[in-house]
N, C-alpha and C. Protein backbone atom coordinates (compact mmCIF):
# COMPACT_ATOMS: atom_id res chain seq x y z
N UNK A 1 36.22 -73.34 61.14
CA UNK A 1 36.86 -72.75 59.98
C UNK A 1 36.68 -73.64 58.75
N UNK A 2 36.67 -74.96 58.95
CA UNK A 2 36.57 -75.90 57.85
C UNK A 2 35.34 -75.65 56.98
N UNK A 3 34.23 -75.22 57.58
CA UNK A 3 32.99 -75.02 56.83
C UNK A 3 33.08 -73.86 55.84
N UNK A 4 34.12 -73.06 55.90
CA UNK A 4 34.32 -71.96 54.96
C UNK A 4 35.15 -72.37 53.76
N UNK A 5 35.56 -73.63 53.73
CA UNK A 5 36.40 -74.18 52.66
C UNK A 5 35.70 -75.41 52.08
N UNK A 6 35.01 -75.26 50.94
CA UNK A 6 34.15 -76.33 50.43
C UNK A 6 34.87 -77.54 49.83
N UNK A 7 36.14 -77.43 49.54
CA UNK A 7 36.87 -78.56 48.95
C UNK A 7 37.81 -79.14 49.99
N UNK A 8 37.78 -80.47 50.12
CA UNK A 8 38.63 -81.14 51.10
C UNK A 8 39.48 -82.19 50.41
N UNK A 9 40.78 -82.16 50.72
CA UNK A 9 41.69 -83.17 50.20
C UNK A 9 41.73 -84.37 51.13
N UNK A 10 42.46 -85.37 50.74
CA UNK A 10 42.58 -86.60 51.53
C UNK A 10 43.35 -86.37 52.82
N UNK A 11 43.03 -87.20 53.81
CA UNK A 11 43.77 -87.19 55.08
C UNK A 11 45.15 -87.80 54.84
N UNK A 12 46.17 -87.16 55.38
CA UNK A 12 47.55 -87.62 55.28
C UNK A 12 48.07 -87.84 56.70
N UNK A 13 48.72 -88.96 56.92
CA UNK A 13 49.35 -89.22 58.22
C UNK A 13 50.83 -88.87 58.11
N UNK A 14 51.30 -88.02 59.00
CA UNK A 14 52.70 -87.61 58.97
C UNK A 14 53.57 -88.83 59.30
N UNK A 15 54.42 -89.18 58.35
CA UNK A 15 55.29 -90.36 58.49
C UNK A 15 56.71 -89.93 58.85
N UNK A 16 57.51 -90.90 59.24
CA UNK A 16 58.89 -90.62 59.65
C UNK A 16 59.69 -89.95 58.52
N UNK A 17 59.47 -90.40 57.29
CA UNK A 17 60.23 -89.81 56.17
C UNK A 17 59.80 -88.37 55.86
N UNK A 18 58.67 -87.92 56.41
CA UNK A 18 58.21 -86.55 56.22
C UNK A 18 58.79 -85.61 57.27
N UNK A 19 59.37 -86.17 58.32
CA UNK A 19 59.89 -85.36 59.44
C UNK A 19 61.35 -84.99 59.22
N UNK A 20 61.73 -83.83 59.72
CA UNK A 20 63.10 -83.36 59.58
C UNK A 20 63.86 -83.49 60.91
N UNK A 21 65.03 -82.90 60.99
CA UNK A 21 65.88 -83.02 62.17
C UNK A 21 65.28 -82.37 63.41
N UNK A 22 64.24 -81.53 63.22
CA UNK A 22 63.57 -80.90 64.36
C UNK A 22 62.42 -81.76 64.90
N UNK A 23 62.18 -82.89 64.24
CA UNK A 23 61.14 -83.80 64.71
C UNK A 23 59.73 -83.43 64.30
N UNK A 24 59.61 -82.48 63.36
CA UNK A 24 58.28 -82.15 62.85
C UNK A 24 58.29 -82.23 61.32
N UNK A 25 57.10 -82.13 60.72
CA UNK A 25 57.00 -82.26 59.28
C UNK A 25 57.82 -81.16 58.59
N UNK A 26 58.65 -81.58 57.66
CA UNK A 26 59.49 -80.68 56.88
C UNK A 26 58.64 -79.79 55.97
N UNK A 27 59.10 -78.56 55.76
CA UNK A 27 58.34 -77.59 54.98
C UNK A 27 58.00 -78.08 53.56
N UNK A 28 58.85 -78.89 52.97
CA UNK A 28 58.59 -79.38 51.61
C UNK A 28 57.29 -80.16 51.53
N UNK A 29 56.91 -80.82 52.62
CA UNK A 29 55.71 -81.64 52.59
C UNK A 29 54.44 -80.81 52.71
N UNK A 30 54.53 -79.62 53.28
CA UNK A 30 53.35 -78.75 53.30
C UNK A 30 52.95 -78.41 51.87
N UNK A 31 53.91 -77.99 51.09
CA UNK A 31 53.64 -77.64 49.69
C UNK A 31 53.11 -78.86 48.93
N UNK A 32 53.71 -80.01 49.17
CA UNK A 32 53.29 -81.25 48.50
C UNK A 32 51.85 -81.62 48.85
N UNK A 33 51.49 -81.52 50.12
CA UNK A 33 50.13 -81.86 50.55
C UNK A 33 49.13 -80.86 49.97
N UNK A 34 49.44 -79.58 50.01
CA UNK A 34 48.55 -78.58 49.41
C UNK A 34 48.38 -78.84 47.91
N UNK A 35 49.47 -79.14 47.22
CA UNK A 35 49.41 -79.37 45.78
C UNK A 35 48.64 -80.65 45.45
N UNK A 36 48.97 -81.74 46.09
CA UNK A 36 48.35 -83.02 45.74
C UNK A 36 46.89 -83.10 46.16
N UNK A 37 46.50 -82.36 47.18
CA UNK A 37 45.10 -82.39 47.61
C UNK A 37 44.19 -81.48 46.81
N UNK A 38 44.77 -80.64 45.96
CA UNK A 38 43.98 -79.62 45.26
C UNK A 38 43.21 -80.14 44.06
N UNK A 39 43.34 -81.41 43.75
CA UNK A 39 42.65 -81.97 42.59
C UNK A 39 41.14 -81.76 42.62
N UNK A 40 40.55 -81.81 43.81
CA UNK A 40 39.10 -81.62 43.92
C UNK A 40 38.70 -80.21 43.49
N UNK A 41 39.51 -79.22 43.84
CA UNK A 41 39.25 -77.84 43.43
C UNK A 41 39.49 -77.69 41.92
N UNK A 42 40.63 -78.19 41.44
CA UNK A 42 40.99 -78.02 40.04
C UNK A 42 39.97 -78.67 39.10
N UNK A 43 39.39 -79.77 39.54
CA UNK A 43 38.39 -80.44 38.71
C UNK A 43 37.19 -79.52 38.50
N UNK A 44 36.72 -78.83 39.55
CA UNK A 44 35.62 -77.89 39.41
C UNK A 44 36.02 -76.67 38.57
N UNK A 45 37.29 -76.30 38.64
CA UNK A 45 37.77 -75.20 37.81
C UNK A 45 37.81 -75.59 36.33
N UNK A 46 37.81 -76.89 36.05
CA UNK A 46 37.89 -77.38 34.68
C UNK A 46 39.29 -77.75 34.25
N UNK A 47 40.22 -77.86 35.22
CA UNK A 47 41.61 -78.17 34.92
C UNK A 47 42.02 -79.38 35.76
N UNK A 48 41.86 -80.57 35.23
CA UNK A 48 42.24 -81.76 35.98
C UNK A 48 42.96 -82.74 35.06
N UNK A 49 43.70 -83.66 35.66
CA UNK A 49 44.48 -84.63 34.89
C UNK A 49 43.61 -85.50 34.00
N UNK A 50 42.37 -85.74 34.40
CA UNK A 50 41.52 -86.61 33.59
C UNK A 50 40.81 -85.84 32.47
N UNK A 51 41.11 -84.58 32.32
CA UNK A 51 40.53 -83.76 31.26
C UNK A 51 41.52 -83.73 30.10
N UNK A 52 41.31 -84.61 29.14
CA UNK A 52 42.28 -84.84 28.06
C UNK A 52 42.58 -83.62 27.20
N UNK A 53 41.66 -82.67 27.12
CA UNK A 53 41.87 -81.54 26.21
C UNK A 53 42.81 -80.48 26.76
N UNK A 54 43.18 -80.58 28.03
CA UNK A 54 44.03 -79.54 28.61
C UNK A 54 45.30 -79.32 27.80
N UNK A 55 45.95 -80.37 27.39
CA UNK A 55 47.21 -80.22 26.69
C UNK A 55 47.06 -79.47 25.36
N UNK A 56 45.85 -79.45 24.82
CA UNK A 56 45.62 -78.80 23.53
C UNK A 56 44.87 -77.48 23.63
N UNK A 57 44.31 -77.16 24.80
CA UNK A 57 43.49 -75.94 24.89
C UNK A 57 44.00 -75.01 25.99
N UNK A 58 43.41 -75.11 27.18
CA UNK A 58 43.74 -74.18 28.27
C UNK A 58 44.10 -74.92 29.54
N UNK A 59 44.91 -74.28 30.35
CA UNK A 59 45.28 -74.81 31.66
C UNK A 59 45.65 -73.63 32.55
N UNK A 60 46.26 -73.92 33.70
CA UNK A 60 46.76 -72.86 34.57
C UNK A 60 48.19 -73.20 34.97
N UNK A 61 48.97 -72.17 35.22
CA UNK A 61 50.31 -72.30 35.79
C UNK A 61 50.31 -71.51 37.09
N UNK A 62 51.11 -71.94 38.05
CA UNK A 62 51.22 -71.22 39.31
C UNK A 62 52.14 -70.02 39.13
N UNK A 63 51.65 -68.85 39.53
CA UNK A 63 52.45 -67.62 39.49
C UNK A 63 53.19 -67.40 40.81
N UNK A 64 52.46 -67.63 41.90
CA UNK A 64 53.02 -67.35 43.22
C UNK A 64 52.29 -68.19 44.25
N UNK A 65 53.05 -68.58 45.28
CA UNK A 65 52.45 -69.32 46.39
C UNK A 65 53.06 -68.79 47.68
N UNK A 66 52.24 -68.68 48.70
CA UNK A 66 52.69 -68.22 50.01
C UNK A 66 52.16 -69.21 51.04
N UNK A 67 53.04 -69.74 51.87
CA UNK A 67 52.63 -70.66 52.93
C UNK A 67 53.02 -70.07 54.28
N UNK A 68 52.06 -70.04 55.19
CA UNK A 68 52.30 -69.62 56.58
C UNK A 68 52.20 -70.85 57.46
N UNK A 69 53.19 -71.05 58.28
CA UNK A 69 53.24 -72.19 59.19
C UNK A 69 52.73 -71.74 60.55
N UNK A 70 51.63 -72.32 61.00
CA UNK A 70 50.95 -71.86 62.20
C UNK A 70 51.19 -72.79 63.38
N UNK A 71 51.18 -74.10 63.15
CA UNK A 71 51.32 -75.08 64.22
C UNK A 71 52.08 -76.29 63.68
N UNK A 72 52.94 -76.86 64.48
CA UNK A 72 53.72 -78.02 64.06
C UNK A 72 52.81 -79.21 63.74
N UNK A 73 53.26 -80.02 62.79
CA UNK A 73 52.67 -81.34 62.54
C UNK A 73 53.76 -82.35 62.87
N UNK A 74 53.42 -83.26 63.79
CA UNK A 74 54.39 -84.24 64.30
C UNK A 74 54.11 -85.63 63.77
N UNK A 75 55.07 -86.51 63.92
CA UNK A 75 54.95 -87.89 63.50
C UNK A 75 53.63 -88.48 64.00
N UNK A 76 52.89 -89.09 63.09
CA UNK A 76 51.62 -89.72 63.44
C UNK A 76 50.40 -88.82 63.35
N UNK A 77 50.60 -87.49 63.27
CA UNK A 77 49.45 -86.58 63.15
C UNK A 77 48.72 -86.87 61.84
N UNK A 78 47.40 -86.78 61.90
CA UNK A 78 46.57 -86.91 60.71
C UNK A 78 46.12 -85.50 60.34
N UNK A 79 46.44 -85.11 59.10
CA UNK A 79 46.16 -83.75 58.63
C UNK A 79 45.48 -83.81 57.28
N UNK A 80 44.76 -82.74 56.94
CA UNK A 80 44.10 -82.68 55.63
C UNK A 80 43.96 -81.23 55.18
N UNK A 81 44.07 -81.01 53.85
CA UNK A 81 43.94 -79.66 53.30
C UNK A 81 42.50 -79.37 52.89
N UNK A 82 42.13 -78.09 52.94
CA UNK A 82 40.83 -77.61 52.48
C UNK A 82 41.07 -76.38 51.61
N UNK A 83 40.19 -76.15 50.64
CA UNK A 83 40.43 -75.13 49.62
C UNK A 83 39.21 -74.25 49.38
N UNK A 84 39.51 -73.04 48.88
CA UNK A 84 38.44 -72.09 48.56
C UNK A 84 38.98 -71.07 47.56
N UNK A 85 38.14 -70.65 46.62
CA UNK A 85 38.50 -69.59 45.69
C UNK A 85 38.19 -68.27 46.37
N UNK A 86 39.15 -67.34 46.36
CA UNK A 86 38.91 -66.05 47.02
C UNK A 86 38.80 -64.88 46.04
N UNK A 87 39.31 -65.05 44.83
CA UNK A 87 39.18 -63.98 43.84
C UNK A 87 39.50 -64.53 42.47
N UNK A 88 39.01 -63.83 41.45
CA UNK A 88 39.28 -64.23 40.07
C UNK A 88 39.12 -63.00 39.18
N UNK A 89 39.96 -62.92 38.16
CA UNK A 89 39.72 -61.98 37.08
C UNK A 89 39.87 -62.77 35.78
N UNK A 90 39.90 -62.12 34.66
CA UNK A 90 39.91 -62.84 33.37
C UNK A 90 41.14 -63.72 33.16
N UNK A 91 42.23 -63.44 33.88
CA UNK A 91 43.46 -64.21 33.67
C UNK A 91 43.96 -64.93 34.93
N UNK A 92 43.54 -64.50 36.11
CA UNK A 92 44.15 -65.01 37.34
C UNK A 92 43.10 -65.55 38.30
N UNK A 93 43.42 -66.66 38.93
CA UNK A 93 42.59 -67.25 39.98
C UNK A 93 43.41 -67.23 41.27
N UNK A 94 42.82 -66.73 42.33
CA UNK A 94 43.46 -66.69 43.66
C UNK A 94 42.69 -67.65 44.55
N UNK A 95 43.39 -68.66 45.06
CA UNK A 95 42.72 -69.55 46.01
C UNK A 95 43.51 -69.64 47.31
N UNK A 96 42.77 -69.88 48.38
CA UNK A 96 43.37 -70.04 49.71
C UNK A 96 43.12 -71.47 50.17
N UNK A 97 44.06 -71.97 50.96
CA UNK A 97 43.96 -73.33 51.48
C UNK A 97 44.39 -73.32 52.94
N UNK A 98 43.83 -74.24 53.68
CA UNK A 98 44.24 -74.42 55.07
C UNK A 98 44.59 -75.88 55.28
N UNK A 99 45.44 -76.13 56.24
CA UNK A 99 45.80 -77.48 56.63
C UNK A 99 45.33 -77.65 58.07
N UNK A 100 44.46 -78.63 58.28
CA UNK A 100 43.89 -78.88 59.60
C UNK A 100 44.32 -80.24 60.11
N UNK A 101 44.32 -80.40 61.45
CA UNK A 101 44.58 -81.71 62.04
C UNK A 101 43.25 -82.34 62.48
N UNK A 102 43.32 -83.50 63.11
CA UNK A 102 42.11 -84.23 63.51
C UNK A 102 41.21 -83.42 64.44
N UNK A 103 41.79 -82.52 65.21
CA UNK A 103 41.01 -81.68 66.13
C UNK A 103 40.52 -80.41 65.44
N UNK A 104 40.73 -80.34 64.12
CA UNK A 104 40.40 -79.18 63.30
C UNK A 104 41.17 -77.93 63.71
N UNK A 105 42.38 -78.15 64.24
CA UNK A 105 43.28 -77.03 64.56
C UNK A 105 44.04 -76.66 63.29
N UNK A 106 44.20 -75.37 63.08
CA UNK A 106 44.90 -74.86 61.92
C UNK A 106 46.41 -75.05 62.08
N UNK A 107 47.05 -75.69 61.08
CA UNK A 107 48.50 -75.82 61.15
C UNK A 107 49.22 -75.03 60.05
N UNK A 108 48.52 -74.70 58.96
CA UNK A 108 49.16 -73.92 57.89
C UNK A 108 48.09 -73.26 57.02
N UNK A 109 48.50 -72.16 56.40
CA UNK A 109 47.67 -71.43 55.45
C UNK A 109 48.48 -71.29 54.17
N UNK A 110 47.85 -71.58 53.05
CA UNK A 110 48.51 -71.41 51.75
C UNK A 110 47.63 -70.53 50.87
N UNK A 111 48.26 -69.65 50.14
CA UNK A 111 47.58 -68.88 49.11
C UNK A 111 48.30 -69.13 47.79
N UNK A 112 47.55 -69.15 46.72
CA UNK A 112 48.14 -69.43 45.42
C UNK A 112 47.49 -68.55 44.35
N UNK A 113 48.31 -68.01 43.48
CA UNK A 113 47.84 -67.29 42.31
C UNK A 113 48.12 -68.15 41.09
N UNK A 114 47.07 -68.44 40.34
CA UNK A 114 47.17 -69.23 39.12
C UNK A 114 46.91 -68.33 37.93
N UNK A 115 47.69 -68.50 36.86
CA UNK A 115 47.44 -67.73 35.65
C UNK A 115 46.88 -68.66 34.59
N UNK A 116 45.90 -68.17 33.87
CA UNK A 116 45.24 -68.94 32.81
C UNK A 116 46.15 -68.96 31.58
N UNK A 117 46.38 -70.14 31.04
CA UNK A 117 47.34 -70.32 29.94
C UNK A 117 46.65 -70.91 28.71
N UNK A 118 46.94 -70.31 27.55
CA UNK A 118 46.55 -70.91 26.27
C UNK A 118 47.65 -71.91 25.93
N UNK A 119 47.34 -73.18 26.00
CA UNK A 119 48.36 -74.22 25.85
C UNK A 119 48.88 -74.34 24.41
N UNK A 120 48.17 -73.80 23.45
CA UNK A 120 48.66 -73.85 22.06
C UNK A 120 49.89 -72.98 21.89
N UNK A 121 49.91 -71.84 22.61
CA UNK A 121 51.06 -70.93 22.50
C UNK A 121 51.85 -70.84 23.82
N UNK A 122 51.33 -71.51 24.88
CA UNK A 122 51.96 -71.57 26.19
C UNK A 122 52.24 -70.16 26.75
N UNK A 123 51.23 -69.33 26.61
CA UNK A 123 51.29 -67.96 27.13
C UNK A 123 49.97 -67.68 27.85
N UNK A 124 50.01 -66.64 28.74
CA UNK A 124 48.79 -66.27 29.44
C UNK A 124 47.76 -65.74 28.44
N UNK A 125 46.49 -66.00 28.76
CA UNK A 125 45.39 -65.56 27.91
C UNK A 125 44.14 -65.43 28.77
N UNK A 126 43.25 -64.52 28.39
CA UNK A 126 42.00 -64.41 29.13
C UNK A 126 41.21 -65.73 29.04
N UNK A 127 40.50 -66.02 30.11
CA UNK A 127 39.65 -67.20 30.12
C UNK A 127 38.49 -67.02 29.14
N UNK A 128 38.06 -68.09 28.47
CA UNK A 128 36.83 -68.00 27.68
C UNK A 128 35.68 -67.58 28.60
N UNK A 129 34.69 -66.91 28.04
CA UNK A 129 33.56 -66.39 28.83
C UNK A 129 32.92 -67.47 29.70
N UNK A 130 32.69 -68.63 29.16
CA UNK A 130 32.04 -69.72 29.92
C UNK A 130 32.88 -70.14 31.12
N UNK A 131 34.18 -70.25 30.93
CA UNK A 131 35.08 -70.63 32.03
C UNK A 131 35.11 -69.55 33.10
N UNK A 132 35.27 -68.31 32.68
CA UNK A 132 35.31 -67.21 33.64
C UNK A 132 34.01 -67.13 34.43
N UNK A 133 32.90 -67.25 33.76
CA UNK A 133 31.60 -67.17 34.42
C UNK A 133 31.44 -68.29 35.45
N UNK A 134 31.83 -69.50 35.08
CA UNK A 134 31.73 -70.64 36.00
C UNK A 134 32.61 -70.43 37.23
N UNK A 135 33.84 -69.96 37.04
CA UNK A 135 34.76 -69.77 38.16
C UNK A 135 34.31 -68.58 39.02
N UNK A 136 33.80 -67.54 38.41
CA UNK A 136 33.28 -66.40 39.18
C UNK A 136 32.10 -66.84 40.04
N UNK A 137 31.23 -67.68 39.48
CA UNK A 137 30.09 -68.21 40.26
C UNK A 137 30.59 -69.05 41.44
N UNK A 138 31.63 -69.86 41.22
CA UNK A 138 32.22 -70.64 42.32
C UNK A 138 32.76 -69.70 43.40
N UNK A 139 33.47 -68.65 42.97
CA UNK A 139 34.02 -67.69 43.93
C UNK A 139 32.92 -67.03 44.74
N UNK A 140 31.85 -66.61 44.07
CA UNK A 140 30.73 -65.98 44.77
C UNK A 140 30.09 -66.94 45.76
N UNK A 141 29.96 -68.20 45.37
CA UNK A 141 29.42 -69.22 46.27
C UNK A 141 30.32 -69.41 47.48
N UNK A 142 31.62 -69.46 47.26
CA UNK A 142 32.57 -69.63 48.37
C UNK A 142 32.54 -68.42 49.29
N UNK A 143 32.41 -67.23 48.71
CA UNK A 143 32.34 -66.00 49.49
C UNK A 143 31.12 -66.01 50.42
N UNK A 144 30.04 -66.64 49.96
CA UNK A 144 28.81 -66.68 50.77
C UNK A 144 28.96 -67.57 52.01
N UNK A 145 30.04 -68.34 52.09
CA UNK A 145 30.29 -69.19 53.25
C UNK A 145 30.79 -68.39 54.45
N UNK A 146 31.10 -67.13 54.23
CA UNK A 146 31.56 -66.26 55.30
C UNK A 146 32.98 -65.80 55.08
N UNK A 147 33.37 -64.76 55.82
CA UNK A 147 34.73 -64.22 55.66
C UNK A 147 35.77 -65.19 56.22
N UNK A 148 36.96 -65.08 55.67
CA UNK A 148 38.08 -65.89 56.17
C UNK A 148 38.47 -65.43 57.57
N UNK A 149 39.05 -66.32 58.34
CA UNK A 149 39.47 -66.02 59.71
C UNK A 149 40.91 -65.51 59.77
N UNK A 150 41.45 -65.11 58.64
CA UNK A 150 42.82 -64.60 58.56
C UNK A 150 42.91 -63.65 57.38
N UNK A 151 43.92 -62.78 57.40
CA UNK A 151 44.14 -61.86 56.29
C UNK A 151 44.87 -62.56 55.17
N UNK A 152 44.56 -62.12 53.95
CA UNK A 152 45.25 -62.63 52.78
C UNK A 152 46.46 -61.76 52.48
N UNK A 153 47.50 -62.36 51.99
CA UNK A 153 48.73 -61.63 51.67
C UNK A 153 48.87 -61.37 50.17
N UNK A 154 48.33 -62.27 49.38
CA UNK A 154 48.40 -62.10 47.92
C UNK A 154 47.13 -61.41 47.44
N UNK A 155 47.24 -60.64 46.37
CA UNK A 155 46.10 -59.89 45.84
C UNK A 155 46.12 -59.93 44.32
N UNK A 156 44.92 -59.87 43.73
CA UNK A 156 44.78 -59.64 42.29
C UNK A 156 43.73 -58.55 42.09
N UNK A 157 43.76 -57.93 40.92
CA UNK A 157 42.73 -56.97 40.57
C UNK A 157 41.53 -57.76 40.05
N UNK A 158 40.36 -57.40 40.50
CA UNK A 158 39.13 -58.12 40.09
C UNK A 158 38.72 -57.84 38.68
């Protein structure tokens, strides 16, 4: 499944402070790992912390996120997120992410809808043609890696 997700985040080792009273990784850390590992994807989208113009031009805000918990992550497990763009229109980017362990077993699925924001007015706005074209090309490239092994729950109009 990993080969269908071209962006990979850093490996994270589940620590004691990440575990809850049930002895497995607390749900808050799934969201944190998906968010913090997504920098590799966001950089290709053109929205990264090292891109100084974001504050003055365009960025994205999260509209919705859905996380499915498939398998427990326990103390000491080494896990890593992987990302892929699944759809895009002029204002919205839909990406899917998976969380895998060292054996490449699926432990979680995340979907996220991002809205394109004009940072001068802090409102949604269509992407500039160059940005949209670049992201659509990325989506088409990701689509060529093969179909996902699970159904998507979030949808956007193309």
